Amino acid sequence: MEIKKNDNVNLEKRKGIFLQLGLVIVISLCLIAFEWTTGARDDNPFDTGTEEAIEEEMIPITEMEDQQPEAPPEVPKVTEIFQIVEDDVTIDNEVLFEDDEADFDDEIQMYDFDVTEEEEEEEDYIFIVVEDMPTFRGGDVNRFREWVQNRIKYPQIAAENGIQGKVFLMFVVEPDGSVSNVNILRGVDPALDNEAQRVVETSPKWAPGKQRGAPVRVRFSMTVNFKLQ
């Protein structure tokens, strides 16, 4: 026997209606909730929910008082006191002058200066350079060196031993033109040194050197070369 369902009691037929009605209700509730939350929200997005009262510090305004400069201290006035003196002094207008003609013979003393010692000292002084240098036969010391070299006789003992070199010597040309004070500064060998000194000492007279027009002593230095041929 087949069981038949009553159409008035069968809920399967009304399932779609219930589903649509439920959706409408849910959507309506969502819209109401959305409107409610947006209306209650504060328009200020940066509001933290707490209000802080900011008190402004009031700075009192002070008025500057005009300070008047201090008056300078009063300087006491100095009153000049004049004392009247009676003019009872007599002045002698006569002026006495001493005699212009003084005896100068008593005041001025004449002294005699002895210059002979200074002249002797200047004559003994040996110059290196003077205004007019001494000359040898119209030439200088190089002319004299040629004269010495031409008169040198090579010592036999020095030649046999092969000794040669330069002898350094110095001499003085006197005010009369003669040659003196021949000394060896640096020698090579006694035989060569003695030969060079011998020839220089036999020098004829020079034309003397002069300083301020007076003949003086002048010192020279030169070399004599000994070389074997």
C-alpha atoms as a PDB file:
ATOM      1  CA  MET A   1       0.000   0.000   0.000  1.00  0.00           C
ATOM      2  CA  GLU A   2       1.615   3.398  -0.965  1.00  0.00           C
ATOM      3  CA  ILE A   3       1.700   6.262   1.571  1.00  0.00           C
ATOM      4  CA  LYS A   4       0.601   9.647   0.110  1.00  0.00           C
ATOM      5  CA  LYS A   5       1.777  12.985   1.600  1.00  0.00           C
ATOM      6  CA  ASN A   6      -0.619  15.836   2.264  1.00  0.00           C
ATOM      7  CA  ASP A   7       0.150  18.848   0.124  1.00  0.00           C
ATOM      8  CA  ASN A   8      -0.804  21.222   2.928  1.00  0.00           C
ATOM      9  CA  VAL A   9       1.604  19.571   5.326  1.00  0.00           C
ATOM     10  CA  ASN A  10       4.445  18.902   2.856  1.00  0.00           C
ATOM     11  CA  LEU A  11       7.240  21.332   3.548  1.00  0.00           C
ATOM     12  CA  GLU A  12       9.391  20.331   0.596  1.00  0.00           C
ATOM     13  CA  LYS A  13       7.255  22.442  -1.660  1.00  0.00           C
ATOM     14  CA  ARG A  14       7.875  25.611   0.430  1.00  0.00           C
ATOM     15  CA  LYS A  15      11.645  25.140   0.883  1.00  0.00           C
ATOM     16  CA  GLY A  16      12.522  27.705  -1.834  1.00  0.00           C
ATOM     17  CA  ILE A  17      10.287  30.346  -0.312  1.00  0.00           C
ATOM     18  CA  PHE A  18      11.876  29.916   3.100  1.00  0.00           C
ATOM     19  CA  LEU A  19      15.343  30.156   1.593  1.00  0.00           C
ATOM     20  CA  GLN A  20      14.595  33.424  -0.216  1.00  0.00           C
ATOM     21  CA  LEU A  21      12.942  34.890   2.869  1.00  0.00           C
ATOM     22  CA  GLY A  22      15.977  34.032   4.970  1.00  0.00           C
ATOM     23  CA  LEU A  23      18.332  35.668   2.522  1.00  0.00           C
ATOM     24  CA  VAL A  24      16.266  38.859   2.523  1.00  0.00           C
ATOM     25  CA  ILE A  25      16.306  38.999   6.317  1.00  0.00           C
ATOM     26  CA  VAL A  26      20.084  38.411   6.548  1.00  0.00           C
ATOM     27  CA  ILE A  27      20.804  41.078   3.944  1.00  0.00           C
ATOM     28  CA  SER A  28      18.521  43.536   5.723  1.00  0.00           C
ATOM     29  CA  LEU A  29      20.262  42.945   9.046  1.00  0.00           C
ATOM     30  CA  CYS A  30      23.680  43.452   7.439  1.00  0.00           C
ATOM     31  CA  LEU A  31      22.593  46.754   5.913  1.00  0.00           C
ATOM     32  CA  ILE A  32      21.168  47.977   9.208  1.00  0.00           C
ATOM     33  CA  ALA A  33      24.329  47.001  11.070  1.00  0.00           C
ATOM     34  CA  PHE A  34      26.552  48.719   8.487  1.00  0.00           C
ATOM     35  CA  GLU A  35      24.549  51.961   8.662  1.00  0.00           C
ATOM     36  CA  TRP A  36      24.606  51.893  12.438  1.00  0.00           C
ATOM     37  CA  THR A  37      28.391  51.517  12.702  1.00  0.00           C
ATOM     38  CA  THR A  38      29.224  54.209  10.124  1.00  0.00           C
ATOM     39  CA  GLY A  39      26.886  56.724  11.732  1.00  0.00           C
ATOM     40  CA  ALA A  40      28.350  56.232  15.199  1.00  0.00           C
ATOM     41  CA  ARG A  41      31.985  56.599  13.965  1.00  0.00           C
ATOM     42  CA  ASP A  42      33.733  59.913  14.712  1.00  0.00           C
ATOM     43  CA  ASP A  43      34.660  62.054  11.752  1.00  0.00           C
ATOM     44  CA  ASN A  44      38.188  62.675  13.101  1.00  0.00           C
ATOM     45  CA  PRO A  45      40.402  59.739  12.087  1.00  0.00           C
ATOM     46  CA  PHE A  46      43.223  60.875  14.343  1.00  0.00           C
ATOM     47  CA  ASP A  47      41.165  61.103  17.515  1.00  0.00           C
ATOM     48  CA  THR A  48      42.620  58.816  20.201  1.00  0.00           C
ATOM     49  CA  GLY A  49      39.521  58.965  22.341  1.00  0.00           C
ATOM     50  CA  THR A  50      41.113  61.049  25.057  1.00  0.00           C
ATOM     51  CA  GLU A  51      41.033  64.774  25.277  1.00  0.00           C
ATOM     52  CA  GLU A  52      43.978  66.426  26.808  1.00  0.00           C
ATOM     53  CA  ALA A  53      43.650  69.896  28.024  1.00  0.00           C
ATOM     54  CA  ILE A  54      46.624  71.978  26.923  1.00  0.00           C
ATOM     55  CA  GLU A  55      47.312  74.793  29.191  1.00  0.00           C
ATOM     56  CA  GLU A  56      49.150  77.711  27.694  1.00  0.00           C
ATOM     57  CA  GLU A  57      51.792  79.164  29.880  1.00  0.00           C
ATOM     58  CA  MET A  58      51.179  82.845  30.242  1.00  0.00           C
ATOM     59  CA  ILE A  59      54.384  84.888  30.291  1.00  0.00           C
ATOM     60  CA  PRO A  60      53.987  88.070  32.231  1.00  0.00           C
ATOM     61  CA  ILE A  61      54.825  91.180  30.264  1.00  0.00           C
ATOM     62  CA  THR A  62      57.219  93.453  32.050  1.00  0.00           C
ATOM     63  CA  GLU A  63      57.615  97.041  31.107  1.00  0.00           C
ATOM     64  CA  MET A  64      61.152  98.432  30.833  1.00  0.00           C
ATOM     65  CA  GLU A  65      61.603 101.416  32.967  1.00  0.00           C
ATOM     66  CA  ASP A  66      63.435 104.305  31.394  1.00  0.00           C
ATOM     67  CA  GLN A  67      66.700 104.646  33.289  1.00  0.00           C
ATOM     68  CA  GLN A  68      67.991 108.139  33.261  1.00  0.00           C
ATOM     69  CA  PRO A  69      71.802 108.472  33.065  1.00  0.00           C
ATOM     70  CA  GLU A  70      73.489 109.509  36.212  1.00  0.00           C
ATOM     71  CA  ALA A  71      74.576 113.092  36.277  1.00  0.00           C
ATOM     72  CA  PRO A  72      78.389 113.538  36.284  1.00  0.00           C
ATOM     73  CA  PRO A  73      79.856 114.682  39.559  1.00  0.00           C
ATOM     74  CA  GLU A  74      80.286 118.372  39.824  1.00  0.00           C
ATOM     75  CA  VAL A  75      83.864 119.523  39.408  1.00  0.00           C
ATOM     76  CA  PRO A  76      84.812 122.129  41.930  1.00  0.00           C
ATOM     77  CA  LYS A  77      85.599 125.404  40.312  1.00  0.00           C
ATOM     78  CA  VAL A  78      89.130 126.657  40.771  1.00  0.00           C
ATOM     79  CA  THR A  79      89.376 130.305  41.367  1.00  0.00           C
ATOM     80  CA  GLU A  80      92.680 131.940  40.573  1.00  0.00           C
ATOM     81  CA  ILE A  81      94.006 134.183  43.232  1.00  0.00           C
ATOM     82  CA  PHE A  82      96.228 136.975  42.039  1.00  0.00           C
ATOM     83  CA  GLN A  83      98.589 138.608  44.443  1.00  0.00           C
ATOM     84  CA  ILE A  84      99.514 142.159  43.682  1.00  0.00           C
ATOM     85  CA  VAL A  85     103.211 142.811  44.189  1.00  0.00           C
ATOM     86  CA  GLU A  86     104.658 146.254  44.215  1.00  0.00           C
ATOM     87  CA  ASP A  87     107.096 146.866  41.390  1.00  0.00           C
ATOM     88  CA  ASP A  88     109.973 148.273  43.379  1.00  0.00           C
ATOM     89  CA  VAL A  89     112.831 146.343  41.740  1.00  0.00           C
ATOM     90  CA  THR A  90     115.320 148.411  39.790  1.00  0.00           C
ATOM     91  CA  ILE A  91     116.959 146.868  36.748  1.00  0.00           C
ATOM     92  CA  ASP A  92     120.389 147.915  35.697  1.00  0.00           C
ATOM     93  CA  ASN A  93     120.277 148.374  31.926  1.00  0.00           C
ATOM     94  CA  GLU A  94     124.033 148.527  31.619  1.00  0.00           C
ATOM     95  CA  VAL A  95     125.466 145.239  30.385  1.00  0.00           C
ATOM     96  CA  LEU A  96     129.137 144.610  30.910  1.00  0.00           C
ATOM     97  CA  PHE A  97     131.012 142.723  28.194  1.00  0.00           C
ATOM     98  CA  GLU A  98     134.395 141.184  28.651  1.00  0.00           C
ATOM     99  CA  ASP A  99     137.239 142.364  26.566  1.00  0.00           C
ATOM    100  CA  ASP A 100     137.112 140.681  23.161  1.00  0.00           C
ATOM    101  CA  GLU A 101     140.849 140.942  22.811  1.00  0.00           C
ATOM    102  CA  ALA A 102     141.848 137.922  24.851  1.00  0.00           C
ATOM    103  CA  ASP A 103     145.370 136.754  25.273  1.00  0.00           C
ATOM    104  CA  PHE A 104     145.256 133.627  23.158  1.00  0.00           C
ATOM    105  CA  ASP A 105     148.961 133.000  23.626  1.00  0.00           C
ATOM    106  CA  ASP A 106     148.322 131.909  27.202  1.00  0.00           C
ATOM    107  CA  GLU A 107     145.401 129.594  26.320  1.00  0.00           C
ATOM    108  CA  ILE A 108     146.643 127.833  23.157  1.00  0.00           C
ATOM    109  CA  GLN A 109     149.526 125.429  23.520  1.00  0.00           C
ATOM    110  CA  MET A 110     151.408 124.155  20.535  1.00  0.00           C
ATOM    111  CA  TYR A 111     152.417 120.506  20.443  1.00  0.00           C
ATOM    112  CA  ASP A 112     155.063 118.921  18.275  1.00  0.00           C
ATOM    113  CA  PHE A 113     154.151 115.479  16.958  1.00  0.00           C
ATOM    114  CA  ASP A 114     156.895 113.023  16.318  1.00  0.00           C
ATOM    115  CA  VAL A 115     155.844 111.002  13.244  1.00  0.00           C
ATOM    116  CA  THR A 116     159.158 109.310  12.670  1.00  0.00           C
ATOM    117  CA  GLU A 117     158.087 106.187  14.560  1.00  0.00           C
ATOM    118  CA  GLU A 118     154.899 105.836  12.486  1.00  0.00           C
ATOM    119  CA  GLU A 119     156.884 106.252   9.294  1.00  0.00           C
ATOM    120  CA  GLU A 120     159.334 103.612  10.444  1.00  0.00           C
ATOM    121  CA  GLU A 121     156.495 101.222  11.298  1.00  0.00           C
ATOM    122  CA  GLU A 122     154.957 101.744   7.860  1.00  0.00           C
ATOM    123  CA  GLU A 123     158.305 101.029   6.251  1.00  0.00           C
ATOM    124  CA  ASP A 124     158.649  97.784   8.213  1.00  0.00           C
ATOM    125  CA  TYR A 125     155.121  96.649   7.336  1.00  0.00           C
ATOM    126  CA  ILE A 126     154.965  94.133   4.497  1.00  0.00           C
ATOM    127  CA  PHE A 127     152.070  94.615   2.089  1.00  0.00           C
ATOM    128  CA  ILE A 128     150.399  91.962  -0.015  1.00  0.00           C
ATOM    129  CA  VAL A 129     148.606  94.357  -2.371  1.00  0.00           C
ATOM    130  CA  VAL A 130     149.506  98.000  -2.961  1.00  0.00           C
ATOM    131  CA  GLU A 131     148.381 100.747  -5.288  1.00  0.00           C
ATOM    132  CA  ASP A 132     151.418 100.284  -7.546  1.00  0.00           C
ATOM    133  CA  MET A 133     152.659  96.693  -7.505  1.00  0.00           C
ATOM    134  CA  PRO A 134     156.380  95.976  -8.021  1.00  0.00           C
ATOM    135  CA  THR A 135     157.444  95.037 -11.564  1.00  0.00           C
ATOM    136  CA  PHE A 136     160.314  92.937 -12.843  1.00  0.00           C
ATOM    137  CA  ARG A 137     161.766  94.209 -16.086  1.00  0.00           C
ATOM    138  CA  GLY A 138     158.414  95.622 -17.098  1.00  0.00           C
ATOM    139  CA  GLY A 139     156.449  92.487 -16.171  1.00  0.00           C
ATOM    140  CA  ASP A 140     154.824  90.874 -13.153  1.00  0.00           C
ATOM    141  CA  VAL A 141     155.764  87.823 -11.092  1.00  0.00           C
ATOM    142  CA  ASN A 142     155.245  85.540 -14.117  1.00  0.00           C
ATOM    143  CA  ARG A 143     158.084  87.339 -15.908  1.00  0.00           C
ATOM    144  CA  PHE A 144     160.265  86.752 -12.857  1.00  0.00           C
ATOM    145  CA  ARG A 145     159.321  83.037 -12.806  1.00  0.00           C
ATOM    146  CA  GLU A 146     160.507  82.656 -16.406  1.00  0.00           C
ATOM    147  CA  TRP A 147     163.789  84.325 -15.460  1.00  0.00           C
ATOM    148  CA  VAL A 148     164.220  81.851 -12.535  1.00  0.00           C
ATOM    149  CA  GLN A 149     163.349  78.757 -14.628  1.00  0.00           C
ATOM    150  CA  ASN A 150     165.931  79.695 -17.261  1.00  0.00           C
ATOM    151  CA  ARG A 151     168.696  79.867 -14.631  1.00  0.00           C
ATOM    152  CA  ILE A 152     167.896  76.683 -12.683  1.00  0.00           C
ATOM    153  CA  LYS A 153     170.638  74.019 -12.708  1.00  0.00           C
ATOM    154  CA  TYR A 154     169.097  70.622 -12.041  1.00  0.00           C
ATOM    155  CA  PRO A 155     170.979  69.027  -9.101  1.00  0.00           C
ATOM    156  CA  GLN A 156     172.875  65.907 -10.179  1.00  0.00           C
ATOM    157  CA  ILE A 157     171.831  63.842  -7.164  1.00  0.00           C
ATOM    158  CA  ALA A 158     168.149  64.651  -7.715  1.00  0.00           C
ATOM    159  CA  ALA A 159     168.397  63.792 -11.422  1.00  0.00           C
ATOM    160  CA  GLU A 160     170.099  60.460 -10.695  1.00  0.00           C
ATOM    161  CA  ASN A 161     167.332  59.525  -8.235  1.00  0.00           C
ATOM    162  CA  GLY A 162     164.551  60.745 -10.545  1.00  0.00           C
ATOM    163  CA  ILE A 163     163.333  63.385  -8.099  1.00  0.00           C
ATOM    164  CA  GLN A 164     161.110  66.095  -9.555  1.00  0.00           C
ATOM    165  CA  GLY A 165     158.219  68.331  -8.499  1.00  0.00           C
ATOM    166  CA  LYS A 166     157.220  71.909  -7.620  1.00  0.00           C
ATOM    167  CA  VAL A 167     158.881  74.009  -4.934  1.00  0.00           C
ATOM    168  CA  PHE A 168     156.637  76.658  -3.310  1.00  0.00           C
ATOM    169  CA  LEU A 169     158.460  79.672  -1.938  1.00  0.00           C
ATOM    170  CA  MET A 170     157.895  83.338  -1.016  1.00  0.00           C
ATOM    171  CA  PHE A 171     160.064  86.455  -0.977  1.00  0.00           C
ATOM    172  CA  VAL A 172     159.874  90.204  -0.281  1.00  0.00           C
ATOM    173  CA  VAL A 173     160.614  93.045  -2.684  1.00  0.00           C
ATOM    174  CA  GLU A 174     162.168  95.832  -0.611  1.00  0.00           C
ATOM    175  CA  PRO A 175     161.553  99.580  -1.133  1.00  0.00           C
ATOM    176  CA  ASP A 176     164.916  99.776  -2.941  1.00  0.00           C
ATOM    177  CA  GLY A 177     163.872  96.964  -5.335  1.00  0.00           C
ATOM    178  CA  SER A 178     166.059  94.239  -3.867  1.00  0.00           C
ATOM    179  CA  VAL A 179     164.759  90.743  -3.044  1.00  0.00           C
ATOM    180  CA  SER A 180     164.971  89.457   0.561  1.00  0.00           C
ATOM    181  CA  ASN A 181     163.419  86.982   3.009  1.00  0.00           C
ATOM    182  CA  VAL A 182     163.352  84.049   0.586  1.00  0.00           C
ATOM    183  CA  ASN A 183     161.626  81.141   2.403  1.00  0.00           C
ATOM    184  CA  ILE A 184     160.501  77.692   1.278  1.00  0.00           C
ATOM    185  CA  LEU A 185     156.777  77.138   1.946  1.00  0.00           C
ATOM    186  CA  ARG A 186     156.597  73.563   0.651  1.00  0.00           C
ATOM    187  CA  GLY A 187     159.573  71.710  -0.682  1.00  0.00           C
ATOM    188  CA  VAL A 188     160.214  68.547  -2.683  1.00  0.00           C
ATOM    189  CA  ASP A 189     163.800  67.589  -1.854  1.00  0.00           C
ATOM    190  CA  PRO A 190     166.591  69.522  -0.095  1.00  0.00           C
ATOM    191  CA  ALA A 191     168.651  69.587  -3.286  1.00  0.00           C
ATOM    192  CA  LEU A 192     165.796  71.044  -5.337  1.00  0.00           C
ATOM    193  CA  ASP A 193     164.722  73.426  -2.528  1.00  0.00           C
ATOM    194  CA  ASN A 194     168.212  74.865  -2.141  1.00  0.00           C
ATOM    195  CA  GLU A 195     168.613  75.378  -5.897  1.00  0.00           C
ATOM    196  CA  ALA A 196     165.321  77.274  -6.174  1.00  0.00           C
ATOM    197  CA  GLN A 197     166.194  79.496  -3.192  1.00  0.00           C
ATOM    198  CA  ARG A 198     169.676  80.204  -4.583  1.00  0.00           C
ATOM    199  CA  VAL A 199     168.368  81.435  -7.951  1.00  0.00           C
ATOM    200  CA  VAL A 200     165.680  83.678  -6.397  1.00  0.00           C
ATOM    201  CA  GLU A 201     168.223  85.299  -4.074  1.00  0.00           C
ATOM    202  CA  THR A 202     170.383  86.248  -7.090  1.00  0.00           C
ATOM    203  CA  SER A 203     167.503  88.237  -8.636  1.00  0.00           C
ATOM    204  CA  PRO A 204     168.319  91.679  -9.997  1.00  0.00           C
ATOM    205  CA  LYS A 205     166.456  94.657  -8.556  1.00  0.00           C
ATOM    206  CA  TRP A 206     162.800  95.200  -9.193  1.00  0.00           C
ATOM    207  CA  ALA A 207     160.891  98.424  -9.628  1.00  0.00           C
ATOM    208  CA  PRO A 208     159.581  98.765  -6.034  1.00  0.00           C
ATOM    209  CA  GLY A 209     155.924  98.881  -5.142  1.00  0.00           C
ATOM    210  CA  LYS A 210     154.358 102.134  -3.944  1.00  0.00           C
ATOM    211  CA  GLN A 211     151.563 102.978  -1.538  1.00  0.00           C
ATOM    212  CA  ARG A 212     150.318 106.603  -1.575  1.00  0.00           C
ATOM    213  CA  GLY A 213     153.332 107.486  -3.654  1.00  0.00           C
ATOM    214  CA  ALA A 214     155.920 106.074  -1.213  1.00  0.00           C
ATOM    215  CA  PRO A 215     157.927 102.884  -1.858  1.00  0.00           C
ATOM    216  CA  VAL A 216     156.973 100.021   0.503  1.00  0.00           C
ATOM    217  CA  ARG A 217     157.766  96.370   1.094  1.00  0.00           C
ATOM    218  CA  VAL A 218     155.654  93.841  -0.835  1.00  0.00           C
ATOM    219  CA  ARG A 219     155.518  90.065  -0.369  1.00  0.00           C
ATOM    220  CA  PHE A 220     155.229  87.589  -3.291  1.00  0.00           C
ATOM    221  CA  SER A 221     154.757  83.822  -3.520  1.00  0.00           C
ATOM    222  CA  MET A 222     155.557  81.632  -6.519  1.00  0.00           C
ATOM    223  CA  THR A 223     156.437  78.102  -7.612  1.00  0.00           C
ATOM    224  CA  VAL A 224     159.559  76.724  -9.279  1.00  0.00           C
ATOM    225  CA  ASN A 225     158.943  73.581 -11.344  1.00  0.00           C
ATOM    226  CA  PHE A 226     161.609  70.855 -11.524  1.00  0.00           C
ATOM    227  CA  LYS A 227     160.894  68.336 -14.284  1.00  0.00           C
ATOM    228  CA  LEU A 228     163.223  65.793 -15.817  1.00  0.00           C
ATOM    229  CA  GLN A 229     163.384  65.760 -19.618  1.00  0.00           C
END
